[in-house]
Amino acid sequence: MSVNPFDPKTIVPAKHAQHVVLIHYPIALFLAGVAFDFLAQQKVAPRERTAGLKGTLLEHLVFARVSTVMIWLVWWVHFRS
């Protein structure tokens, strides 16, 4: 009997499938982040002045800060009473 990996009746009851996604995948992402952070620390910074953020990077930074403020605001409104 063949097992279809895309059949929800096969995947959902299988406890090992959720274990891998919920445990091993976040651990691997964390370790990869630590490795990239370590490699970034080893890189020598340029001596010339760096330009400010422009375009898409600036937009992402602004939206990230706005999202952070909104999340904290929702948390404060939820727990103030």
PDB file of N, CA and C in Angstrom:
ATOM      1  N   MET A   1       0.839  -1.173   0.000  1.00  0.00           N
ATOM      2  CA  MET A   1       0.000   0.000   0.000  1.00  0.00           C
ATOM      3  C   MET A   1       0.890   1.243   0.000  1.00  0.00           C
ATOM      4  N   SER A   2       0.634   2.137  -0.910  1.00  0.00           N
ATOM      5  CA  SER A   2       1.428   3.350  -1.044  1.00  0.00           C
ATOM      6  C   SER A   2       0.841   4.475  -0.197  1.00  0.00           C
ATOM      7  N   VAL A   3       1.705   5.291   0.389  1.00  0.00           N
ATOM      8  CA  VAL A   3       1.272   6.413   1.209  1.00  0.00           C
ATOM      9  C   VAL A   3       1.422   7.689   0.397  1.00  0.00           C
ATOM     10  N   ASN A   4       0.337   8.432   0.290  1.00  0.00           N
ATOM     11  CA  ASN A   4       0.368   9.694  -0.435  1.00  0.00           C
ATOM     12  C   ASN A   4       0.817  10.802   0.518  1.00  0.00           C
ATOM     13  N   PRO A   5       1.965  11.445   0.279  1.00  0.00           N
ATOM     14  CA  PRO A   5       2.450  12.469   1.209  1.00  0.00           C
ATOM     15  C   PRO A   5       1.607  13.740   1.197  1.00  0.00           C
ATOM     16  N   PHE A   6       0.730  13.913   0.209  1.00  0.00           N
ATOM     17  CA  PHE A   6      -0.089  15.120   0.127  1.00  0.00           C
ATOM     18  C   PHE A   6      -1.503  14.904   0.671  1.00  0.00           C
ATOM     19  N   ASP A   7      -1.780  13.716   1.180  1.00  0.00           N
ATOM     20  CA  ASP A   7      -3.101  13.410   1.719  1.00  0.00           C
ATOM     21  C   ASP A   7      -3.172  13.865   3.178  1.00  0.00           C
ATOM     22  N   PRO A   8      -4.059  14.817   3.523  1.00  0.00           N
ATOM     23  CA  PRO A   8      -4.140  15.292   4.909  1.00  0.00           C
ATOM     24  C   PRO A   8      -4.455  14.195   5.917  1.00  0.00           C
ATOM     25  N   LYS A   9      -5.193  13.160   5.496  1.00  0.00           N
ATOM     26  CA  LYS A   9      -5.518  12.068   6.414  1.00  0.00           C
ATOM     27  C   LYS A   9      -4.272  11.286   6.810  1.00  0.00           C
ATOM     28  N   THR A  10      -3.241  11.351   5.992  1.00  0.00           N
ATOM     29  CA  THR A  10      -1.997  10.662   6.296  1.00  0.00           C
ATOM     30  C   THR A  10      -1.072  11.530   7.128  1.00  0.00           C
ATOM     31  N   ILE A  11      -1.028  12.831   6.831  1.00  0.00           N
ATOM     32  CA  ILE A  11      -0.054  13.722   7.459  1.00  0.00           C
ATOM     33  C   ILE A  11      -0.489  14.189   8.843  1.00  0.00           C
ATOM     34  N   VAL A  12      -1.742  14.620   8.998  1.00  0.00           N
ATOM     35  CA  VAL A  12      -2.185  15.240  10.247  1.00  0.00           C
ATOM     36  C   VAL A  12      -2.065  14.303  11.442  1.00  0.00           C
ATOM     37  N   PRO A  13      -2.512  13.045  11.363  1.00  0.00           N
ATOM     38  CA  PRO A  13      -2.378  12.189  12.542  1.00  0.00           C
ATOM     39  C   PRO A  13      -0.936  11.776  12.838  1.00  0.00           C
ATOM     40  N   ALA A  14      -0.059  11.885  11.870  1.00  0.00           N
ATOM     41  CA  ALA A  14       1.323  11.457  12.072  1.00  0.00           C
ATOM     42  C   ALA A  14       2.034  12.457  12.972  1.00  0.00           C
ATOM     43  N   LYS A  15       2.344  12.059  14.195  1.00  0.00           N
ATOM     44  CA  LYS A  15       2.952  12.967  15.163  1.00  0.00           C
ATOM     45  C   LYS A  15       4.376  13.350  14.777  1.00  0.00           C
ATOM     46  N   HIS A  16       5.075  12.493  14.068  1.00  0.00           N
ATOM     47  CA  HIS A  16       6.445  12.809  13.697  1.00  0.00           C
ATOM     48  C   HIS A  16       6.515  13.974  12.713  1.00  0.00           C
ATOM     49  N   ALA A  17       5.487  14.166  11.881  1.00  0.00           N
ATOM     50  CA  ALA A  17       5.509  15.260  10.908  1.00  0.00           C
ATOM     51  C   ALA A  17       5.467  16.605  11.618  1.00  0.00           C
ATOM     52  N   GLN A  18       4.608  16.740  12.627  1.00  0.00           N
ATOM     53  CA  GLN A  18       4.541  17.986  13.372  1.00  0.00           C
ATOM     54  C   GLN A  18       5.800  18.197  14.209  1.00  0.00           C
ATOM     55  N   HIS A  19       6.374  17.131  14.720  1.00  0.00           N
ATOM     56  CA  HIS A  19       7.589  17.246  15.525  1.00  0.00           C
ATOM     57  C   HIS A  19       8.722  17.874  14.722  1.00  0.00           C
ATOM     58  N   VAL A  20       8.900  17.422  13.506  1.00  0.00           N
ATOM     59  CA  VAL A  20       9.978  17.952  12.672  1.00  0.00           C
ATOM     60  C   VAL A  20       9.759  19.431  12.382  1.00  0.00           C
ATOM     61  N   VAL A  21       8.530  19.790  12.037  1.00  0.00           N
ATOM     62  CA  VAL A  21       8.233  21.178  11.676  1.00  0.00           C
ATOM     63  C   VAL A  21       8.297  22.092  12.891  1.00  0.00           C
ATOM     64  N   LEU A  22       7.799  21.645  14.023  1.00  0.00           N
ATOM     65  CA  LEU A  22       7.722  22.506  15.203  1.00  0.00           C
ATOM     66  C   LEU A  22       8.994  22.526  16.045  1.00  0.00           C
ATOM     67  N   ILE A  23       9.823  21.515  15.947  1.00  0.00           N
ATOM     68  CA  ILE A  23      11.015  21.432  16.789  1.00  0.00           C
ATOM     69  C   ILE A  23      12.297  21.613  15.987  1.00  0.00           C
ATOM     70  N   HIS A  24      12.527  20.758  15.017  1.00  0.00           N
ATOM     71  CA  HIS A  24      13.809  20.745  14.321  1.00  0.00           C
ATOM     72  C   HIS A  24      13.991  21.935  13.381  1.00  0.00           C
ATOM     73  N   TYR A  25      12.935  22.326  12.683  1.00  0.00           N
ATOM     74  CA  TYR A  25      13.049  23.432  11.724  1.00  0.00           C
ATOM     75  C   TYR A  25      13.394  24.757  12.421  1.00  0.00           C
ATOM     76  N   PRO A  26      12.721  25.145  13.524  1.00  0.00           N
ATOM     77  CA  PRO A  26      13.135  26.386  14.203  1.00  0.00           C
ATOM     78  C   PRO A  26      14.550  26.315  14.771  1.00  0.00           C
ATOM     79  N   ILE A  27      14.957  25.140  15.256  1.00  0.00           N
ATOM     80  CA  ILE A  27      16.325  25.003  15.762  1.00  0.00           C
ATOM     81  C   ILE A  27      17.325  25.212  14.633  1.00  0.00           C
ATOM     82  N   ALA A  28      17.049  24.638  13.466  1.00  0.00           N
ATOM     83  CA  ALA A  28      17.950  24.799  12.321  1.00  0.00           C
ATOM     84  C   ALA A  28      18.001  26.255  11.863  1.00  0.00           C
ATOM     85  N   LEU A  29      16.859  26.933  11.851  1.00  0.00           N
ATOM     86  CA  LEU A  29      16.851  28.349  11.468  1.00  0.00           C
ATOM     87  C   LEU A  29      17.641  29.187  12.463  1.00  0.00           C
ATOM     88  N   PHE A  30      17.497  28.901  13.749  1.00  0.00           N
ATOM     89  CA  PHE A  30      18.256  29.635  14.767  1.00  0.00           C
ATOM     90  C   PHE A  30      19.753  29.427  14.589  1.00  0.00           C
ATOM     91  N   LEU A  31      20.161  28.186  14.386  1.00  0.00           N
ATOM     92  CA  LEU A  31      21.586  27.900  14.206  1.00  0.00           C
ATOM     93  C   LEU A  31      22.133  28.546  12.937  1.00  0.00           C
ATOM     94  N   ALA A  32      21.350  28.554  11.870  1.00  0.00           N
ATOM     95  CA  ALA A  32      21.785  29.226  10.639  1.00  0.00           C
ATOM     96  C   ALA A  32      21.925  30.724  10.878  1.00  0.00           C
ATOM     97  N   GLY A  33      21.000  31.309  11.636  1.00  0.00           N
ATOM     98  CA  GLY A  33      21.095  32.733  11.960  1.00  0.00           C
ATOM     99  C   GLY A  33      22.338  33.050  12.778  1.00  0.00           C
ATOM    100  N   VAL A  34      22.658  32.189  13.743  1.00  0.00           N
ATOM    101  CA  VAL A  34      23.865  32.379  14.547  1.00  0.00           C
ATOM    102  C   VAL A  34      25.106  32.277  13.666  1.00  0.00           C
ATOM    103  N   ALA A  35      25.110  31.318  12.749  1.00  0.00           N
ATOM    104  CA  ALA A  35      26.258  31.158  11.853  1.00  0.00           C
ATOM    105  C   ALA A  35      26.432  32.393  10.958  1.00  0.00           C
ATOM    106  N   PHE A  36      25.333  32.904  10.399  1.00  0.00           N
ATOM    107  CA  PHE A  36      25.434  34.095   9.558  1.00  0.00           C
ATOM    108  C   PHE A  36      25.856  35.317  10.377  1.00  0.00           C
ATOM    109  N   ASP A  37      25.380  35.415  11.608  1.00  0.00           N
ATOM    110  CA  ASP A  37      25.781  36.519  12.473  1.00  0.00           C
ATOM    111  C   ASP A  37      27.271  36.441  12.785  1.00  0.00           C
ATOM    112  N   PHE A  38      27.760  35.240  13.054  1.00  0.00           N
ATOM    113  CA  PHE A  38      29.184  35.056  13.312  1.00  0.00           C
ATOM    114  C   PHE A  38      30.015  35.443  12.089  1.00  0.00           C
ATOM    115  N   LEU A  39      29.568  35.025  10.905  1.00  0.00           N
ATOM    116  CA  LEU A  39      30.291  35.384   9.681  1.00  0.00           C
ATOM    117  C   LEU A  39      30.268  36.895   9.442  1.00  0.00           C
ATOM    118  N   ALA A  40      29.159  37.536   9.771  1.00  0.00           N
ATOM    119  CA  ALA A  40      29.066  38.984   9.583  1.00  0.00           C
ATOM    120  C   ALA A  40      30.006  39.720  10.536  1.00  0.00           C
ATOM    121  N   GLN A  41      30.206  39.189  11.723  1.00  0.00           N
ATOM    122  CA  GLN A  41      31.109  39.819  12.687  1.00  0.00           C
ATOM    123  C   GLN A  41      32.567  39.714  12.232  1.00  0.00           C
ATOM    124  N   GLN A  42      32.880  38.706  11.456  1.00  0.00           N
ATOM    125  CA  GLN A  42      34.245  38.503  10.990  1.00  0.00           C
ATOM    126  C   GLN A  42      34.604  39.404   9.813  1.00  0.00           C
ATOM    127  N   LYS A  43      33.597  39.929   9.134  1.00  0.00           N
ATOM    128  CA  LYS A  43      33.837  40.775   7.977  1.00  0.00           C
ATOM    129  C   LYS A  43      34.375  42.135   8.427  1.00  0.00           C
ATOM    130  N   VAL A  44      35.371  42.619   7.734  1.00  0.00           N
ATOM    131  CA  VAL A  44      35.964  43.909   8.069  1.00  0.00           C
ATOM    132  C   VAL A  44      35.083  45.021   7.521  1.00  0.00           C
ATOM    133  N   ALA A  45      34.794  45.989   8.364  1.00  0.00           N
ATOM    134  CA  ALA A  45      33.948  47.102   7.954  1.00  0.00           C
ATOM    135  C   ALA A  45      34.728  48.027   7.010  1.00  0.00           C
ATOM    136  N   PRO A  46      34.071  48.601   6.015  1.00  0.00           N
ATOM    137  CA  PRO A  46      34.754  49.528   5.115  1.00  0.00           C
ATOM    138  C   PRO A  46      35.160  50.805   5.853  1.00  0.00           C
ATOM    139  N   ARG A  47      36.235  51.424   5.414  1.00  0.00           N
ATOM    140  CA  ARG A  47      36.740  52.625   6.078  1.00  0.00           C
ATOM    141  C   ARG A  47      36.021  53.887   5.623  1.00  0.00           C
ATOM    142  N   GLU A  48      35.422  53.845   4.451  1.00  0.00           N
ATOM    143  CA  GLU A  48      34.738  55.029   3.954  1.00  0.00           C
ATOM    144  C   GLU A  48      33.357  55.152   4.576  1.00  0.00           C
ATOM    145  N   ARG A  49      32.776  56.353   4.528  1.00  0.00           N
ATOM    146  CA  ARG A  49      31.437  56.557   5.118  1.00  0.00           C
ATOM    147  C   ARG A  49      30.411  55.819   4.304  1.00  0.00           C
ATOM    148  N   THR A  50      29.469  55.174   5.015  1.00  0.00           N
ATOM    149  CA  THR A  50      28.416  54.432   4.344  1.00  0.00           C
ATOM    150  C   THR A  50      27.219  55.341   4.117  1.00  0.00           C
ATOM    151  N   ALA A  51      26.534  55.091   3.016  1.00  0.00           N
ATOM    152  CA  ALA A  51      25.351  55.885   2.681  1.00  0.00           C
ATOM    153  C   ALA A  51      24.160  55.379   3.490  1.00  0.00           C
ATOM    154  N   GLY A  52      23.166  56.227   3.648  1.00  0.00           N
ATOM    155  CA  GLY A  52      21.957  55.843   4.363  1.00  0.00           C
ATOM    156  C   GLY A  52      21.124  54.863   3.555  1.00  0.00           C
ATOM    157  N   LEU A  53      20.121  54.315   4.203  1.00  0.00           N
ATOM    158  CA  LEU A  53      19.239  53.382   3.512  1.00  0.00           C
ATOM    159  C   LEU A  53      18.401  54.118   2.486  1.00  0.00           C
ATOM    160  N   LYS A  54      18.141  53.438   1.374  1.00  0.00           N
ATOM    161  CA  LYS A  54      17.345  54.023   0.304  1.00  0.00           C
ATOM    162  C   LYS A  54      16.385  52.975  -0.224  1.00  0.00           C
ATOM    163  N   GLY A  55      15.334  53.434  -0.847  1.00  0.00           N
ATOM    164  CA  GLY A  55      14.428  52.564  -1.587  1.00  0.00           C
ATOM    165  C   GLY A  55      13.741  51.514  -0.734  1.00  0.00           C
ATOM    166  N   THR A  56      13.823  50.277  -1.191  1.00  0.00           N
ATOM    167  CA  THR A  56      13.101  49.172  -0.566  1.00  0.00           C
ATOM    168  C   THR A  56      13.583  48.896   0.854  1.00  0.00           C
ATOM    169  N   LEU A  57      14.878  48.995   1.097  1.00  0.00           N
ATOM    170  CA  LEU A  57      15.381  48.753   2.447  1.00  0.00           C
ATOM    171  C   LEU A  57      14.832  49.776   3.437  1.00  0.00           C
ATOM    172  N   LEU A  58      14.797  51.037   3.046  1.00  0.00           N
ATOM    173  CA  LEU A  58      14.236  52.074   3.903  1.00  0.00           C
ATOM    174  C   LEU A  58      12.746  51.825   4.137  1.00  0.00           C
ATOM    175  N   GLU A  59      12.039  51.439   3.083  1.00  0.00           N
ATOM    176  CA  GLU A  59      10.611  51.153   3.201  1.00  0.00           C
ATOM    177  C   GLU A  59      10.364  50.003   4.177  1.00  0.00           C
ATOM    178  N   HIS A  60      11.154  48.935   4.077  1.00  0.00           N
ATOM    179  CA  HIS A  60      10.990  47.807   4.984  1.00  0.00           C
ATOM    180  C   HIS A  60      11.290  48.211   6.429  1.00  0.00           C
ATOM    181  N   LEU A  61      12.303  49.024   6.629  1.00  0.00           N
ATOM    182  CA  LEU A  61      12.628  49.474   7.976  1.00  0.00           C
ATOM    183  C   LEU A  61      11.498  50.309   8.563  1.00  0.00           C
ATOM    184  N   VAL A  62      10.948  51.208   7.780  1.00  0.00           N
ATOM    185  CA  VAL A  62       9.846  52.049   8.254  1.00  0.00           C
ATOM    186  C   VAL A  62       8.634  51.193   8.589  1.00  0.00           C
ATOM    187  N   PHE A  63       8.263  50.266   7.705  1.00  0.00           N
ATOM    188  CA  PHE A  63       7.108  49.411   7.960  1.00  0.00           C
ATOM    189  C   PHE A  63       7.343  48.486   9.156  1.00  0.00           C
ATOM    190  N   ALA A  64       8.561  48.033   9.348  1.00  0.00           N
ATOM    191  CA  ALA A  64       8.866  47.187  10.507  1.00  0.00           C
ATOM    192  C   ALA A  64       8.692  47.978  11.798  1.00  0.00           C
ATOM    193  N   ARG A  65       9.144  49.208  11.812  1.00  0.00           N
ATOM    194  CA  ARG A  65       8.986  50.038  13.012  1.00  0.00           C
ATOM    195  C   ARG A  65       7.527  50.371  13.269  1.00  0.00           C
ATOM    196  N   VAL A  66       6.777  50.671  12.216  1.00  0.00           N
ATOM    197  CA  VAL A  66       5.353  50.955  12.375  1.00  0.00           C
ATOM    198  C   VAL A  66       4.623  49.719  12.896  1.00  0.00           C
ATOM    199  N   SER A  67       4.956  48.555  12.352  1.00  0.00           N
ATOM    200  CA  SER A  67       4.333  47.312  12.816  1.00  0.00           C
ATOM    201  C   SER A  67       4.659  47.052  14.279  1.00  0.00           C
ATOM    202  N   THR A  68       5.888  47.298  14.676  1.00  0.00           N
ATOM    203  CA  THR A  68       6.281  47.099  16.069  1.00  0.00           C
ATOM    204  C   THR A  68       5.490  48.004  16.994  1.00  0.00           C
ATOM    205  N   VAL A  69       5.362  49.263  16.624  1.00  0.00           N
ATOM    206  CA  VAL A  69       4.593  50.202  17.441  1.00  0.00           C
ATOM    207  C   VAL A  69       3.131  49.768  17.517  1.00  0.00           C
ATOM    208  N   MET A  70       2.572  49.330  16.409  1.00  0.00           N
ATOM    209  CA  MET A  70       1.174  48.897  16.411  1.00  0.00           C
ATOM    210  C   MET A  70       0.973  47.645  17.265  1.00  0.00           C
ATOM    211  N   ILE A  71       1.918  46.715  17.231  1.00  0.00           N
ATOM    212  CA  ILE A  71       1.817  45.508  18.052  1.00  0.00           C
ATOM    213  C   ILE A  71       1.860  45.877  19.529  1.00  0.00           C
ATOM    214  N   TRP A  72       2.796  46.756  19.912  1.00  0.00           N
ATOM    215  CA  TRP A  72       2.868  47.194  21.306  1.00  0.00           C
ATOM    216  C   TRP A  72       1.615  47.961  21.709  1.00  0.00           C
ATOM    217  N   LEU A  73       1.051  48.748  20.820  1.00  0.00           N
ATOM    218  CA  LEU A  73      -0.165  49.487  21.115  1.00  0.00           C
ATOM    219  C   LEU A  73      -1.337  48.535  21.342  1.00  0.00           C
ATOM    220  N   VAL A  74      -1.473  47.530  20.508  1.00  0.00           N
ATOM    221  CA  VAL A  74      -2.543  46.547  20.688  1.00  0.00           C
ATOM    222  C   VAL A  74      -2.355  45.790  22.001  1.00  0.00           C
ATOM    223  N   TRP A  75      -1.107  45.438  22.319  1.00  0.00           N
ATOM    224  CA  TRP A  75      -0.835  44.766  23.583  1.00  0.00           C
ATOM    225  C   TRP A  75      -1.223  45.652  24.764  1.00  0.00           C
ATOM    226  N   TRP A  76      -0.866  46.928  24.710  1.00  0.00           N
ATOM    227  CA  TRP A  76      -1.173  47.855  25.792  1.00  0.00           C
ATOM    228  C   TRP A  76      -2.670  48.021  25.960  1.00  0.00           C
ATOM    229  N   VAL A  77      -3.408  48.177  24.846  1.00  0.00           N
ATOM    230  CA  VAL A  77      -4.851  48.325  24.909  1.00  0.00           C
ATOM    231  C   VAL A  77      -5.492  47.050  25.481  1.00  0.00           C
ATOM    232  N   HIS A  78      -4.953  45.912  25.114  1.00  0.00           N
ATOM    233  CA  HIS A  78      -5.516  44.637  25.577  1.00  0.00           C
ATOM    234  C   HIS A  78      -5.316  44.437  27.081  1.00  0.00           C
ATOM    235  N   PHE A  79      -4.157  44.817  27.602  1.00  0.00           N
ATOM    236  CA  PHE A  79      -3.828  44.528  28.986  1.00  0.00           C
ATOM    237  C   PHE A  79      -3.986  45.712  29.944  1.00  0.00           C
ATOM    238  N   ARG A  80      -4.437  46.853  29.474  1.00  0.00           N
ATOM    239  CA  ARG A  80      -4.536  48.010  30.370  1.00  0.00           C
ATOM    240  C   ARG A  80      -5.706  47.907  31.347  1.00  0.00           C
ATOM    241  N   SER A  81      -6.699  47.099  31.041  1.00  0.00           N
ATOM    242  CA  SER A  81      -7.846  47.003  31.957  1.00  0.00           C
ATOM    243  C   SER A  81      -7.681  45.887  32.966  1.00  0.00           C
TER     244      SER A  81
END
